[in-house]
C-alpha atoms as a PDB file:
ATOM      1  CA  CYS A   1     -15.705   3.263 -30.984  1.00  0.00           C
ATOM      2  CA  PRO A   2     -13.160   0.637 -32.689  1.00  0.00           C
ATOM      3  CA  ARG A   3     -12.083  -1.834 -29.664  1.00  0.00           C
ATOM      4  CA  THR A   4      -8.553  -1.083 -30.678  1.00  0.00           C
ATOM      5  CA  ALA A   5      -8.774   2.798 -29.950  1.00  0.00           C
ATOM      6  CA  ALA A   6      -6.096   3.976 -27.758  1.00  0.00           C
ATOM      7  CA  GLY A   7      -6.966   3.198 -24.402  1.00  0.00           C
ATOM      8  CA  CYS A   8      -8.485  -0.187 -24.673  1.00  0.00           C
ATOM      9  CA  ALA A   9      -6.415  -2.993 -24.563  1.00  0.00           C
ATOM     10  CA  ALA A  10      -7.155  -6.888 -24.676  1.00  0.00           C
ATOM     11  CA  SER A  11      -6.103  -9.564 -22.540  1.00  0.00           C
ATOM     12  CA  ALA A  12      -6.782 -13.401 -21.938  1.00  0.00           C
ATOM     13  CA  ALA A  13      -9.202 -12.071 -19.162  1.00  0.00           C
ATOM     14  CA  GLY A  14     -11.111  -9.892 -21.330  1.00  0.00           C
ATOM     15  CA  THR A  15     -10.626  -6.148 -22.390  1.00  0.00           C
ATOM     16  CA  TRP A  16      -9.706  -3.063 -19.995  1.00  0.00           C
ATOM     17  CA  ARG A  17     -11.432   0.030 -21.289  1.00  0.00           C
ATOM     18  CA  THR A  18     -10.869   3.530 -20.281  1.00  0.00           C
ATOM     19  CA  ALA A  19     -13.715   5.881 -19.904  1.00  0.00           C
ATOM     20  CA  ALA A  20     -12.755   8.522 -22.451  1.00  0.00           C
ATOM     21  CA  PRO A  21     -14.724   9.658 -25.119  1.00  0.00           C
ATOM     22  CA  CYS A  22     -13.039   7.566 -27.820  1.00  0.00           C
ATOM     23  CA  CYS A  23     -13.831   4.286 -26.371  1.00  0.00           C
ATOM     24  CA  PRO A  24     -17.157   4.696 -23.885  1.00  0.00           C
ATOM     25  CA  ALA A  25     -17.168   2.398 -21.159  1.00  0.00           C
ATOM     26  CA  PRO A  26     -19.695  -0.431 -21.002  1.00  0.00           C
ATOM     27  CA  ARG A  27     -22.585  -0.395 -18.777  1.00  0.00           C
ATOM     28  CA  GLY A  28     -21.864  -2.014 -15.688  1.00  0.00           C
ATOM     29  CA  SER A  29     -18.079  -0.843 -15.593  1.00  0.00           C
ATOM     30  CA  ALA A  30     -15.719   1.129 -13.355  1.00  0.00           C
ATOM     31  CA  GLU A  31     -16.721   4.966 -13.130  1.00  0.00           C
ATOM     32  CA  LYS A  32     -14.536   7.667 -11.705  1.00  0.00           C
ATOM     33  CA  LYS A  33     -16.325   8.367  -8.348  1.00  0.00           C
ATOM     34  CA  ARG A  34     -15.014   9.831  -4.956  1.00  0.00           C
ATOM     35  CA  ARG A  35     -16.531   7.300  -2.554  1.00  0.00           C
ATOM     36  CA  GLY A  36     -17.097   8.026   1.135  1.00  0.00           C
ATOM     37  CA  THR A  37     -15.956  10.720   3.935  1.00  0.00           C
ATOM     38  CA  GLY A  38     -12.461  11.520   4.316  1.00  0.00           C
ATOM     39  CA  SER A  39     -10.357  14.163   2.781  1.00  0.00           C
ATOM     40  CA  PHE A  40      -8.090  12.654   0.600  1.00  0.00           C
ATOM     41  CA  PRO A  41      -5.249  14.898  -1.119  1.00  0.00           C
ATOM     42  CA  PRO A  42      -5.170  15.750  -4.435  1.00  0.00           C
ATOM     43  CA  ALA A  43      -2.115  13.483  -5.132  1.00  0.00           C
ATOM     44  CA  PHE A  44      -0.749   9.992  -7.151  1.00  0.00           C
ATOM     45  CA  VAL A  45      -2.320   6.900  -5.757  1.00  0.00           C
ATOM     46  CA  ASN A  46       0.232   4.357  -6.242  1.00  0.00           C
ATOM     47  CA  CYS A  47      -1.503   1.508  -4.336  1.00  0.00           C
ATOM     48  CA  ILE A  48      -4.868   0.007  -2.463  1.00  0.00           C
ATOM     49  CA  ALA A  49      -4.455  -2.985  -0.527  1.00  0.00           C
ATOM     50  CA  VAL A  50      -7.447  -5.444   0.521  1.00  0.00           C
ATOM     51  CA  ASP A  51      -7.346  -7.443   3.487  1.00  0.00           C
ATOM     52  CA  PRO A  52      -7.321 -11.197   2.027  1.00  0.00           C
ATOM     53  CA  THR A  53      -9.708 -11.854   5.055  1.00  0.00           C
ATOM     54  CA  ASP A  54     -12.075  -8.835   4.865  1.00  0.00           C
ATOM     55  CA  ALA A  55     -12.909  -6.947   1.574  1.00  0.00           C
ATOM     56  CA  ASN A  56     -14.590  -3.852   3.744  1.00  0.00           C
ATOM     57  CA  LYS A  57     -11.130  -3.423   4.915  1.00  0.00           C
ATOM     58  CA  VAL A  58      -8.907  -1.163   2.298  1.00  0.00           C
ATOM     59  CA  VAL A  59      -6.049   0.800   2.736  1.00  0.00           C
ATOM     60  CA  VAL A  60      -4.652   3.381  -0.174  1.00  0.00           C
ATOM     61  CA  VAL A  61      -1.648   5.155  -0.380  1.00  0.00           C
ATOM     62  CA  PHE A  62      -0.952   8.216  -1.999  1.00  0.00           C
ATOM     63  CA  SER A  63       2.761   8.344  -2.815  1.00  0.00           C
ATOM     64  CA  ASN A  64       3.782  12.029  -2.942  1.00  0.00           C
ATOM     65  CA  TYR A  65       5.898  14.196  -0.424  1.00  0.00           C
ATOM     66  CA  ASN A  66       4.466  16.840   1.511  1.00  0.00           C
ATOM     67  CA  THR A  67       1.340  14.883   1.144  1.00  0.00           C
ATOM     68  CA  TYR A  68      -0.541  12.495   3.882  1.00  0.00           C
ATOM     69  CA  SER A  69      -0.018   9.023   2.727  1.00  0.00           C
ATOM     70  CA  ILE A  70      -1.867   5.925   4.256  1.00  0.00           C
ATOM     71  CA  PHE A  71      -5.910   5.968   4.594  1.00  0.00           C
ATOM     72  CA  TYR A  72      -7.729   2.884   5.985  1.00  0.00           C
ATOM     73  CA  SER A  73     -11.376   2.201   5.582  1.00  0.00           C
ATOM     74  CA  THR A  74     -13.350  -0.558   7.750  1.00  0.00           C
ATOM     75  CA  ASP A  75     -16.060  -0.211   5.402  1.00  0.00           C
ATOM     76  CA  GLY A  76     -15.660  -0.966   2.079  1.00  0.00           C
ATOM     77  CA  GLY A  77     -15.065   3.094   1.560  1.00  0.00           C
ATOM     78  CA  ASP A  78     -17.678   4.762   2.874  1.00  0.00           C
ATOM     79  CA  ASN A  79     -15.450   6.050   5.451  1.00  0.00           C
ATOM     80  CA  TRP A  80     -11.567   6.575   5.691  1.00  0.00           C
ATOM     81  CA  MET A  81      -9.152   7.582   8.356  1.00  0.00           C
ATOM     82  CA  ARG A  82      -5.561   8.443   8.406  1.00  0.00           C
ATOM     83  CA  CYS A  83      -3.339   6.137   9.603  1.00  0.00           C
ATOM     84  CA  SER A  84       0.485   6.833   8.364  1.00  0.00           C
ATOM     85  CA  GLY A  85       0.944   7.792  12.340  1.00  0.00           C
ATOM     86  CA  ASN A  86       5.087   8.325  12.727  1.00  0.00           C
ATOM     87  CA  LEU A  87       5.761   8.034   9.064  1.00  0.00           C
ATOM     88  CA  GLU A  88       4.620  11.261   8.637  1.00  0.00           C
ATOM     89  CA  THR A  89       6.202  14.607  10.468  1.00  0.00           C
ATOM     90  CA  SER A  90       2.788  16.004  11.090  1.00  0.00           C
ATOM     91  CA  VAL A  91      -0.897  15.171  10.588  1.00  0.00           C
ATOM     92  CA  SER A  92      -1.302  17.373   7.826  1.00  0.00           C
ATOM     93  CA  GLY A  93       1.668  15.292   5.971  1.00  0.00           C
ATOM     94  CA  SER A  94       3.548  18.360   5.247  1.00  0.00           C
ATOM     95  CA  GLY A  95       7.103  17.915   6.294  1.00  0.00           C
ATOM     96  CA  THR A  96      10.027  15.632   5.857  1.00  0.00           C
ATOM     97  CA  GLY A  97       8.610  12.689   5.866  1.00  0.00           C
ATOM     98  CA  PRO A  98       8.745  10.052   3.440  1.00  0.00           C
ATOM     99  CA  SER A  99       6.884   8.953   0.427  1.00  0.00           C
ATOM    100  CA  VAL A 100       5.104   5.585   0.737  1.00  0.00           C
ATOM    101  CA  ARG A 101       5.333   3.897  -2.008  1.00  0.00           C
ATOM    102  CA  TRP A 102       2.982   0.099  -1.340  1.00  0.00           C
ATOM    103  CA  ILE A 103       1.144  -1.296   1.309  1.00  0.00           C
ATOM    104  CA  SER A 104       0.902  -5.061   1.980  1.00  0.00           C
ATOM    105  CA  ILE A 105      -1.227  -7.168   4.129  1.00  0.00           C
ATOM    106  CA  MET A 106      -0.275 -10.262   5.703  1.00  0.00           C
ATOM    107  CA  PRO A 107      -2.719 -12.648   8.177  1.00  0.00           C
ATOM    108  CA  TYR A 108      -0.266 -13.258  10.853  1.00  0.00           C
ATOM    109  CA  GLN A 109      -1.025 -15.461  13.648  1.00  0.00           C
ATOM    110  CA  GLY A 110      -4.389 -14.452  14.250  1.00  0.00           C
ATOM    111  CA  HIS A 111      -4.380 -10.582  13.061  1.00  0.00           C
ATOM    112  CA  MET A 112      -2.872  -9.003  10.216  1.00  0.00           C
ATOM    113  CA  LYS A 113       0.703  -7.616   9.630  1.00  0.00           C
ATOM    114  CA  TYR A 114       1.107  -4.885   7.472  1.00  0.00           C
ATOM    115  CA  PHE A 115       4.202  -3.849   5.302  1.00  0.00           C
ATOM    116  CA  ALA A 116       5.028  -0.537   3.787  1.00  0.00           C
ATOM    117  CA  GLY A 117       7.608   0.441   1.540  1.00  0.00           C
ATOM    118  CA  THR A 118       8.934   3.732   1.319  1.00  0.00           C
ATOM    119  CA  SER A 119      11.534   5.971  -0.067  1.00  0.00           C
ATOM    120  CA  ILE A 120      13.564   5.354   3.240  1.00  0.00           C
ATOM    121  CA  GLY A 121      12.855   1.399   3.947  1.00  0.00           C
ATOM    122  CA  LEU A 122      10.418  -1.493   4.828  1.00  0.00           C
ATOM    123  CA  PHE A 123       8.353  -0.592   7.949  1.00  0.00           C
ATOM    124  CA  SER A 124       5.636  -2.684   9.354  1.00  0.00           C
ATOM    125  CA  ALA A 125       2.770  -2.525  11.923  1.00  0.00           C
ATOM    126  CA  ASP A 126       0.389  -4.836  13.826  1.00  0.00           C
ATOM    127  CA  SER A 127      -2.721  -2.313  13.794  1.00  0.00           C
ATOM    128  CA  LEU A 128      -3.777   0.642  11.744  1.00  0.00           C
ATOM    129  CA  THR A 129      -4.905   3.015  14.245  1.00  0.00           C
ATOM    130  CA  MET A 130      -6.388   6.831  13.516  1.00  0.00           C
ATOM    131  CA  HIS A 131      -4.206   9.540  13.222  1.00  0.00           C
ATOM    132  CA  ASP A 132      -5.014  13.244  13.934  1.00  0.00           C
ATOM    133  CA  VAL A 133      -3.856  15.868  16.491  1.00  0.00           C
ATOM    134  CA  SER A 134      -5.032  14.007  19.561  1.00  0.00           C
ATOM    135  CA  ASN A 135      -3.641  10.293  18.560  1.00  0.00           C
ATOM    136  CA  PRO A 136      -0.276   9.340  17.338  1.00  0.00           C
ATOM    137  CA  GLY A 137      -1.882   6.753  15.161  1.00  0.00           C
ATOM    138  CA  THR A 138      -0.072   3.866  13.547  1.00  0.00           C
ATOM    139  CA  GLN A 139       3.633   3.159  14.815  1.00  0.00           C
ATOM    140  CA  TRP A 140       5.857   1.922  11.884  1.00  0.00           C
ATOM    141  CA  THR A 141       8.807  -0.338  12.955  1.00  0.00           C
ATOM    142  CA  MET A 142      11.635  -0.294  10.415  1.00  0.00           C
ATOM    143  CA  GLU A 143      12.414  -3.841   9.258  1.00  0.00           C
ATOM    144  CA  GLY A 144      15.676  -5.150   8.005  1.00  0.00           C
ATOM    145  CA  VAL A 145      17.450  -2.501   9.274  1.00  0.00           C
ATOM    146  CA  ASN A 146      20.927  -4.069   8.519  1.00  0.00           C
ATOM    147  CA  GLU A 147      19.822  -5.976   5.482  1.00  0.00           C
ATOM    148  CA  ILE A 148      17.751  -3.437   3.498  1.00  0.00           C
ATOM    149  CA  GLY A 149      18.361  -0.282   5.429  1.00  0.00           C
ATOM    150  CA  ASN A 150      17.009   2.881   3.689  1.00  0.00           C
ATOM    151  CA  THR A 151      16.690   1.932   0.407  1.00  0.00           C
ATOM    152  CA  ILE A 152      13.860   2.713  -1.774  1.00  0.00           C
ATOM    153  CA  VAL A 153      11.183   0.078  -1.295  1.00  0.00           C
ATOM    154  CA  PRO A 154       8.747   0.102  -4.306  1.00  0.00           C
ATOM    155  CA  TYR A 155       6.757  -3.111  -4.089  1.00  0.00           C
ATOM    156  CA  ILE A 156       6.055  -6.042  -1.478  1.00  0.00           C
ATOM    157  CA  GLN A 157       4.770  -8.972  -2.534  1.00  0.00           C
ATOM    158  CA  ILE A 158       3.274 -11.841   0.241  1.00  0.00           C
ATOM    159  CA  ARG A 159       2.811 -15.511  -0.354  1.00  0.00           C
ATOM    160  CA  GLU A 160       0.409 -16.536   2.220  1.00  0.00           C
ATOM    161  CA  ALA A 161       1.030 -20.005   2.191  1.00  0.00           C
ATOM    162  CA  ASP A 162       4.372 -19.815   4.268  1.00  0.00           C
ATOM    163  CA  ASN A 163       4.316 -16.174   5.414  1.00  0.00           C
ATOM    164  CA  MET A 164       7.172 -15.033   2.811  1.00  0.00           C
ATOM    165  CA  VAL A 165       7.261 -11.368   2.453  1.00  0.00           C
ATOM    166  CA  ALA A 166       9.367 -10.526  -0.628  1.00  0.00           C
ATOM    167  CA  VAL A 167      10.520  -6.931  -0.947  1.00  0.00           C
ATOM    168  CA  ALA A 168      11.537  -5.510  -4.207  1.00  0.00           C
ATOM    169  CA  THR A 169      14.404  -2.408  -3.822  1.00  0.00           C
ATOM    170  CA  HIS A 170      15.270   0.197  -5.792  1.00  0.00           C
ATOM    171  CA  GLY A 171      18.886  -0.555  -6.756  1.00  0.00           C
ATOM    172  CA  SER A 172      19.700  -3.509  -3.917  1.00  0.00           C
ATOM    173  CA  GLY A 173      17.860  -6.378  -5.152  1.00  0.00           C
ATOM    174  CA  VAL A 174      14.768  -8.262  -3.718  1.00  0.00           C
ATOM    175  CA  PHE A 175      14.866  -9.593  -0.011  1.00  0.00           C
ATOM    176  CA  THR A 176      12.602 -12.053   1.240  1.00  0.00           C
ATOM    177  CA  ILE A 177      11.697 -13.455   4.898  1.00  0.00           C
ATOM    178  CA  HIS A 178       9.419 -16.273   6.122  1.00  0.00           C
ATOM    179  CA  TYR A 179       7.403 -14.823   9.282  1.00  0.00           C
ATOM    180  CA  GLY A 180       6.771 -17.525  12.284  1.00  0.00           C
ATOM    181  CA  TRP A 181       9.736 -19.985  11.071  1.00  0.00           C
ATOM    182  CA  ASN A 182      11.578 -18.867  14.498  1.00  0.00           C
ATOM    183  CA  VAL A 183      13.605 -16.263  12.187  1.00  0.00           C
ATOM    184  CA  GLY A 184      14.684 -12.879  12.955  1.00  0.00           C
ATOM    185  CA  VAL A 185      14.838  -9.783  11.020  1.00  0.00           C
ATOM    186  CA  GLY A 186      18.743 -10.541  11.181  1.00  0.00           C
ATOM    187  CA  GLU A 187      18.323 -13.094   8.715  1.00  0.00           C
ATOM    188  CA  ILE A 188      16.627 -11.697   5.691  1.00  0.00           C
ATOM    189  CA  GLU A 189      17.690 -13.013   2.388  1.00  0.00           C
ATOM    190  CA  ASN A 190      19.089 -11.543  -0.774  1.00  0.00           C
ATOM    191  CA  THR A 191      17.819 -13.044  -3.692  1.00  0.00           C
ATOM    192  CA  ALA A 192      19.885 -10.805  -5.771  1.00  0.00           C
END
């Protein structure tokens, strides 16, 4: 296969390749594998977030409506638990719950702070807990109610050096906040 085949793209760091027949993946490259236990939906994976302090802790976001959205692993993907909690209408993911677009993880005051960008705004949680018929799961709290509101949040970026959270919205610009600097959510800055 010529290295310029469709599906192969060169960058300064090397060459990204698909495993398509026209461009076989080189030995040692990523392969399509289902890993671990847990039932993933047949849906669109929009985001994978890795805990910056423990690479075995991984969050996967499925961004479809009527599909369970957030899965969490503490063992590098061998086992997964549902943890969308109150962002879902039901444990199955069916119903009128929002689509989750992005998850970012920020070390904050000795624990992790989780941010979820959704089709109805920005949410945060201090921990991710299992969601099943007997457990309500993660309890997400809306952030920036008066600033961001229920605008679609497709992307969140964390800067650990100063606990800055930057939030991209669909049509309302970019918002930032520095956590732990004695500011409240009411002081979110719109940088647009």
